[in-house]
N, C-alpha and C. Protein backbone atom coordinates (compact mmCIF):
# COMPACT_ATOMS: atom_id res chain seq x y z
N MET A 1 95.67 113.17 87.32
CA MET A 1 95.22 114.38 87.99
C MET A 1 94.51 113.98 89.29
N THR A 2 94.78 114.74 90.33
CA THR A 2 94.14 114.55 91.63
C THR A 2 93.32 115.78 91.94
N GLU A 3 92.10 115.57 92.42
CA GLU A 3 91.25 116.69 92.83
C GLU A 3 91.08 116.67 94.34
N LEU A 4 91.19 117.86 94.94
CA LEU A 4 91.10 118.01 96.39
C LEU A 4 90.25 119.23 96.72
N THR A 5 89.70 119.23 97.91
CA THR A 5 89.09 120.44 98.45
C THR A 5 90.05 120.99 99.49
N CYS A 6 90.46 122.23 99.31
CA CYS A 6 91.41 122.84 100.23
C CYS A 6 90.73 123.07 101.59
N ILE A 7 91.44 122.74 102.66
CA ILE A 7 90.90 122.92 104.02
C ILE A 7 91.71 123.93 104.83
N VAL A 8 92.59 124.67 104.17
CA VAL A 8 93.45 125.62 104.87
C VAL A 8 92.67 126.84 105.36
N CYS A 9 91.68 127.27 104.60
CA CYS A 9 90.87 128.43 105.00
C CYS A 9 89.40 128.14 104.70
N PRO A 10 88.49 129.01 105.11
CA PRO A 10 87.06 128.75 104.91
C PRO A 10 86.56 128.78 103.47
N ILE A 11 87.35 129.25 102.52
CA ILE A 11 86.89 129.34 101.13
C ILE A 11 86.60 127.95 100.56
N GLY A 12 87.46 126.97 100.83
CA GLY A 12 87.24 125.60 100.34
C GLY A 12 87.44 125.46 98.85
N CYS A 13 88.52 125.99 98.33
CA CYS A 13 88.80 125.93 96.89
C CYS A 13 88.85 124.48 96.40
N ARG A 14 88.37 124.27 95.17
CA ARG A 14 88.50 122.97 94.52
C ARG A 14 89.84 122.98 93.79
N LEU A 15 90.76 122.16 94.24
CA LEU A 15 92.11 122.14 93.69
C LEU A 15 92.29 120.97 92.74
N ARG A 16 93.08 121.18 91.71
CA ARG A 16 93.47 120.13 90.80
C ARG A 16 94.99 120.07 90.77
N VAL A 17 95.52 118.89 90.99
CA VAL A 17 96.98 118.71 91.01
C VAL A 17 97.35 117.78 89.87
N THR A 18 98.25 118.23 89.02
CA THR A 18 98.74 117.40 87.93
C THR A 18 100.26 117.31 88.02
N ARG A 19 100.76 116.15 87.65
CA ARG A 19 102.22 115.94 87.62
C ARG A 19 102.72 116.34 86.23
N GLU A 20 103.74 117.18 86.23
CA GLU A 20 104.35 117.61 84.99
C GLU A 20 105.84 117.31 85.06
N LEU A 21 106.54 117.47 83.97
CA LEU A 21 107.97 117.17 83.93
C LEU A 21 108.75 117.98 84.95
N ASP A 22 108.35 119.21 85.18
CA ASP A 22 109.08 120.08 86.11
C ASP A 22 108.49 120.07 87.52
N GLY A 23 107.61 119.11 87.83
CA GLY A 23 107.05 119.00 89.18
C GLY A 23 105.54 118.97 89.17
N LEU A 24 104.96 119.40 90.28
CA LEU A 24 103.51 119.40 90.43
C LEU A 24 102.94 120.76 90.05
N LYS A 25 101.79 120.75 89.37
CA LYS A 25 101.10 121.99 89.02
C LYS A 25 99.75 121.98 89.73
N VAL A 26 99.46 123.05 90.47
CA VAL A 26 98.20 123.18 91.20
C VAL A 26 97.38 124.29 90.58
N THR A 27 96.10 124.00 90.31
CA THR A 27 95.19 125.02 89.81
C THR A 27 93.94 125.03 90.68
N GLY A 28 93.23 126.14 90.63
CA GLY A 28 91.99 126.27 91.39
C GLY A 28 92.15 126.93 92.74
N ASN A 29 93.38 127.21 93.14
CA ASN A 29 93.61 127.81 94.45
C ASN A 29 93.50 129.33 94.40
N GLU A 30 92.92 129.89 95.45
CA GLU A 30 92.79 131.34 95.56
C GLU A 30 94.04 131.97 96.21
N CYS A 31 94.81 131.16 96.93
CA CYS A 31 95.98 131.71 97.63
C CYS A 31 97.14 130.71 97.58
N ARG A 32 98.30 131.19 97.98
CA ARG A 32 99.51 130.37 97.97
C ARG A 32 99.43 129.21 98.96
N ARG A 33 98.73 129.43 100.08
CA ARG A 33 98.60 128.37 101.08
C ARG A 33 97.89 127.15 100.50
N GLY A 34 96.93 127.38 99.61
CA GLY A 34 96.23 126.29 98.95
C GLY A 34 97.16 125.47 98.08
N GLU A 35 98.06 126.14 97.40
CA GLU A 35 99.04 125.45 96.56
C GLU A 35 99.95 124.58 97.41
N GLU A 36 100.44 125.13 98.52
CA GLU A 36 101.30 124.36 99.42
C GLU A 36 100.56 123.16 100.01
N TYR A 37 99.30 123.38 100.42
CA TYR A 37 98.49 122.30 100.97
C TYR A 37 98.34 121.16 99.96
N ALA A 38 98.01 121.50 98.71
CA ALA A 38 97.79 120.48 97.68
C ALA A 38 99.06 119.68 97.41
N LYS A 39 100.19 120.36 97.30
CA LYS A 39 101.45 119.66 97.05
C LYS A 39 101.80 118.73 98.20
N ASP A 40 101.63 119.21 99.43
CA ASP A 40 101.90 118.37 100.60
C ASP A 40 100.96 117.18 100.65
N GLU A 41 99.69 117.39 100.36
CA GLU A 41 98.69 116.33 100.44
C GLU A 41 98.96 115.23 99.40
N VAL A 42 99.47 115.60 98.25
CA VAL A 42 99.75 114.62 97.20
C VAL A 42 101.07 113.90 97.46
N THR A 43 102.08 114.60 97.96
CA THR A 43 103.40 113.99 98.12
C THR A 43 103.63 113.36 99.49
N ALA A 44 103.14 113.97 100.56
CA ALA A 44 103.40 113.47 101.92
C ALA A 44 102.25 113.88 102.84
N PRO A 45 101.10 113.21 102.73
CA PRO A 45 99.95 113.62 103.55
C PRO A 45 100.21 113.45 105.04
N LYS A 46 99.73 114.42 105.82
CA LYS A 46 99.89 114.40 107.27
C LYS A 46 98.54 114.69 107.92
N ARG A 47 98.39 114.23 109.15
CA ARG A 47 97.15 114.47 109.89
C ARG A 47 97.45 114.73 111.36
N ILE A 48 96.61 115.55 112.00
CA ILE A 48 96.60 115.67 113.45
C ILE A 48 95.82 114.46 113.94
N VAL A 49 96.36 113.76 114.93
CA VAL A 49 95.68 112.59 115.47
C VAL A 49 95.02 112.97 116.79
N THR A 50 93.75 112.64 116.93
CA THR A 50 93.04 112.84 118.20
C THR A 50 92.63 111.48 118.73
N ALA A 51 92.69 111.33 120.04
CA ALA A 51 92.36 110.04 120.66
C ALA A 51 92.05 110.28 122.14
N VAL A 52 91.89 109.21 122.88
CA VAL A 52 91.75 109.28 124.33
C VAL A 52 92.71 108.28 124.95
N VAL A 53 93.21 108.61 126.15
CA VAL A 53 94.06 107.69 126.90
C VAL A 53 93.39 107.39 128.23
N LYS A 54 93.77 106.27 128.82
CA LYS A 54 93.19 105.87 130.10
C LYS A 54 93.75 106.73 131.23
N VAL A 55 92.90 106.98 132.23
CA VAL A 55 93.31 107.67 133.44
C VAL A 55 93.46 106.62 134.52
N ASP A 56 94.54 106.72 135.28
CA ASP A 56 94.90 105.73 136.30
C ASP A 56 93.77 105.38 137.25
N GLU A 57 93.00 106.35 137.66
CA GLU A 57 91.96 106.11 138.65
C GLU A 57 90.60 105.94 137.98
N GLY A 58 90.02 104.77 138.04
CA GLY A 58 88.67 104.56 137.53
C GLY A 58 88.60 104.31 136.04
N GLU A 59 87.43 104.60 135.50
CA GLU A 59 87.17 104.33 134.09
C GLU A 59 87.20 105.58 133.23
N ARG A 60 87.74 106.67 133.76
CA ARG A 60 87.79 107.92 133.00
C ARG A 60 88.78 107.83 131.85
N MET A 61 88.53 108.68 130.86
CA MET A 61 89.42 108.79 129.71
C MET A 61 89.81 110.26 129.56
N LEU A 62 91.00 110.50 129.05
CA LEU A 62 91.51 111.85 128.85
C LEU A 62 91.72 112.09 127.36
N PRO A 63 91.10 113.13 126.79
CA PRO A 63 91.33 113.40 125.37
C PRO A 63 92.73 113.96 125.12
N VAL A 64 93.34 113.49 124.04
CA VAL A 64 94.69 113.91 123.66
C VAL A 64 94.74 114.16 122.15
N LYS A 65 95.80 114.84 121.72
CA LYS A 65 96.03 115.04 120.29
C LYS A 65 97.52 115.22 120.05
N THR A 66 97.92 115.03 118.82
CA THR A 66 99.31 115.29 118.48
C THR A 66 99.50 116.81 118.40
N ALA A 67 100.66 117.28 118.83
CA ALA A 67 100.94 118.71 118.83
C ALA A 67 101.09 119.25 117.41
N GLN A 68 101.44 118.37 116.48
CA GLN A 68 101.57 118.73 115.07
C GLN A 68 101.06 117.55 114.25
N ALA A 69 100.88 117.77 112.98
CA ALA A 69 100.46 116.69 112.10
C ALA A 69 101.59 115.67 111.96
N ILE A 70 101.22 114.40 111.85
CA ILE A 70 102.20 113.33 111.64
C ILE A 70 101.91 112.66 110.30
N PRO A 71 102.90 111.99 109.72
CA PRO A 71 102.67 111.32 108.43
C PRO A 71 101.51 110.33 108.52
N LYS A 72 100.67 110.36 107.51
CA LYS A 72 99.46 109.53 107.49
C LYS A 72 99.79 108.03 107.63
N GLU A 73 100.89 107.60 107.04
CA GLU A 73 101.22 106.17 107.08
C GLU A 73 101.66 105.69 108.47
N ILE A 74 101.89 106.60 109.40
CA ILE A 74 102.33 106.23 110.75
C ILE A 74 101.17 106.27 111.76
N ILE A 75 100.00 106.67 111.33
CA ILE A 75 98.88 106.84 112.27
C ILE A 75 98.56 105.56 113.03
N PHE A 76 98.52 104.41 112.36
CA PHE A 76 98.18 103.17 113.06
C PHE A 76 99.24 102.79 114.09
N LEU A 77 100.50 103.01 113.78
CA LEU A 77 101.58 102.77 114.75
C LEU A 77 101.42 103.70 115.94
N ALA A 78 101.11 104.96 115.68
CA ALA A 78 100.90 105.93 116.76
C ALA A 78 99.73 105.50 117.64
N MET A 79 98.65 105.03 117.04
CA MET A 79 97.48 104.60 117.82
C MET A 79 97.81 103.38 118.68
N GLU A 80 98.66 102.51 118.21
CA GLU A 80 99.09 101.36 119.02
C GLU A 80 99.82 101.84 120.28
N GLU A 81 100.67 102.86 120.13
CA GLU A 81 101.36 103.43 121.29
C GLU A 81 100.38 104.14 122.22
N ILE A 82 99.45 104.87 121.65
CA ILE A 82 98.50 105.64 122.45
C ILE A 82 97.63 104.73 123.31
N LYS A 83 97.21 103.60 122.76
CA LYS A 83 96.30 102.74 123.52
C LYS A 83 96.97 102.09 124.74
N GLU A 84 98.28 102.13 124.82
CA GLU A 84 99.01 101.58 125.96
C GLU A 84 99.26 102.61 127.06
N ILE A 85 98.95 103.86 126.80
CA ILE A 85 99.25 104.94 127.75
C ILE A 85 98.20 105.01 128.85
N ILE A 86 98.67 105.12 130.10
CA ILE A 86 97.81 105.36 131.25
C ILE A 86 98.40 106.56 131.99
N VAL A 87 97.60 107.59 132.20
CA VAL A 87 98.09 108.80 132.88
C VAL A 87 97.57 108.86 134.30
N ALA A 88 98.36 109.49 135.16
CA ALA A 88 97.95 109.70 136.56
C ALA A 88 97.60 111.17 136.74
N PRO A 89 96.43 111.45 137.32
CA PRO A 89 96.07 112.84 137.57
C PRO A 89 96.98 113.46 138.62
N PRO A 90 97.12 114.76 138.68
CA PRO A 90 96.47 115.74 137.83
C PRO A 90 97.19 115.93 136.49
N VAL A 91 96.42 116.25 135.47
CA VAL A 91 96.94 116.56 134.15
C VAL A 91 96.31 117.88 133.72
N THR A 92 97.10 118.75 133.14
CA THR A 92 96.56 120.03 132.66
C THR A 92 96.48 120.03 131.14
N SER A 93 95.57 120.80 130.63
CA SER A 93 95.42 120.92 129.18
C SER A 93 96.72 121.47 128.59
N GLY A 94 97.20 120.84 127.54
CA GLY A 94 98.45 121.24 126.91
C GLY A 94 99.67 120.50 127.45
N GLN A 95 99.49 119.75 128.53
CA GLN A 95 100.61 119.00 129.12
C GLN A 95 101.04 117.89 128.17
N VAL A 96 102.34 117.72 128.02
CA VAL A 96 102.87 116.65 127.17
C VAL A 96 102.65 115.32 127.86
N ILE A 97 101.98 114.42 127.18
CA ILE A 97 101.70 113.08 127.69
C ILE A 97 102.78 112.11 127.24
N LYS A 98 103.24 112.26 126.00
CA LYS A 98 104.31 111.42 125.46
C LYS A 98 105.11 112.23 124.45
N GLU A 99 106.42 112.22 124.62
CA GLU A 99 107.32 112.86 123.66
C GLU A 99 107.57 111.89 122.50
N ASN A 100 107.86 112.42 121.34
CA ASN A 100 108.31 111.61 120.20
C ASN A 100 107.39 110.43 119.91
N LEU A 101 106.13 110.69 119.71
CA LEU A 101 105.15 109.65 119.43
C LEU A 101 105.50 108.90 118.15
N ALA A 102 105.62 107.60 118.25
CA ALA A 102 105.89 106.71 117.11
C ALA A 102 107.14 107.13 116.33
N GLY A 103 108.11 107.72 117.02
CA GLY A 103 109.36 108.11 116.38
C GLY A 103 109.23 109.29 115.43
N THR A 104 108.15 110.06 115.56
CA THR A 104 107.91 111.19 114.65
C THR A 104 108.56 112.48 115.11
N GLY A 105 108.96 112.54 116.39
CA GLY A 105 109.46 113.78 116.95
C GLY A 105 108.34 114.71 117.40
N VAL A 106 107.10 114.24 117.29
CA VAL A 106 105.93 115.04 117.66
C VAL A 106 105.39 114.55 119.00
N ALA A 107 105.03 115.50 119.86
CA ALA A 107 104.52 115.16 121.19
C ALA A 107 103.01 114.90 121.14
N LEU A 108 102.56 114.07 122.08
CA LEU A 108 101.15 113.85 122.32
C LEU A 108 100.78 114.70 123.52
N VAL A 109 99.76 115.55 123.40
CA VAL A 109 99.40 116.47 124.48
C VAL A 109 97.95 116.29 124.91
N ALA A 110 97.70 116.59 126.18
CA ALA A 110 96.34 116.54 126.72
C ALA A 110 95.55 117.73 126.18
N THR A 111 94.26 117.52 125.95
CA THR A 111 93.42 118.62 125.48
C THR A 111 92.37 119.03 126.50
N LYS A 112 92.48 118.46 127.71
CA LYS A 112 91.53 118.79 128.78
C LYS A 112 92.23 118.61 130.12
N HIS A 113 91.75 119.33 131.13
CA HIS A 113 92.27 119.15 132.49
C HIS A 113 91.69 117.87 133.08
N CYS A 114 92.46 117.23 133.95
CA CYS A 114 92.00 116.03 134.64
C CYS A 114 92.53 116.10 136.06
N LYS A 115 91.61 116.12 137.05
CA LYS A 115 92.02 116.22 138.45
C LYS A 115 91.91 114.89 139.14
């Protein structure tokens, strides 16, 4: 049995996930989204990655994040790619900095303007 705290909504349900012959059983959830979250977290956990990249001019850094969650086991590979990125201003918030980060099909986007 795995116990989790649901982070999908502000309620924060205490979830229990057990493996049964016919699949996973989730208890403790107040809504269907909690059940989906628990099953995903147990079978294929994903995370939004936040980081900073270097800006071409000076010692400034630009905050970035993945546009969607990526598989947890690929985070270190993604961070290796991110640390090699240098951007040239201007950059706008939401601008794609790198397509297909670490072969995930997920873009890395800026979260702040940089002039």
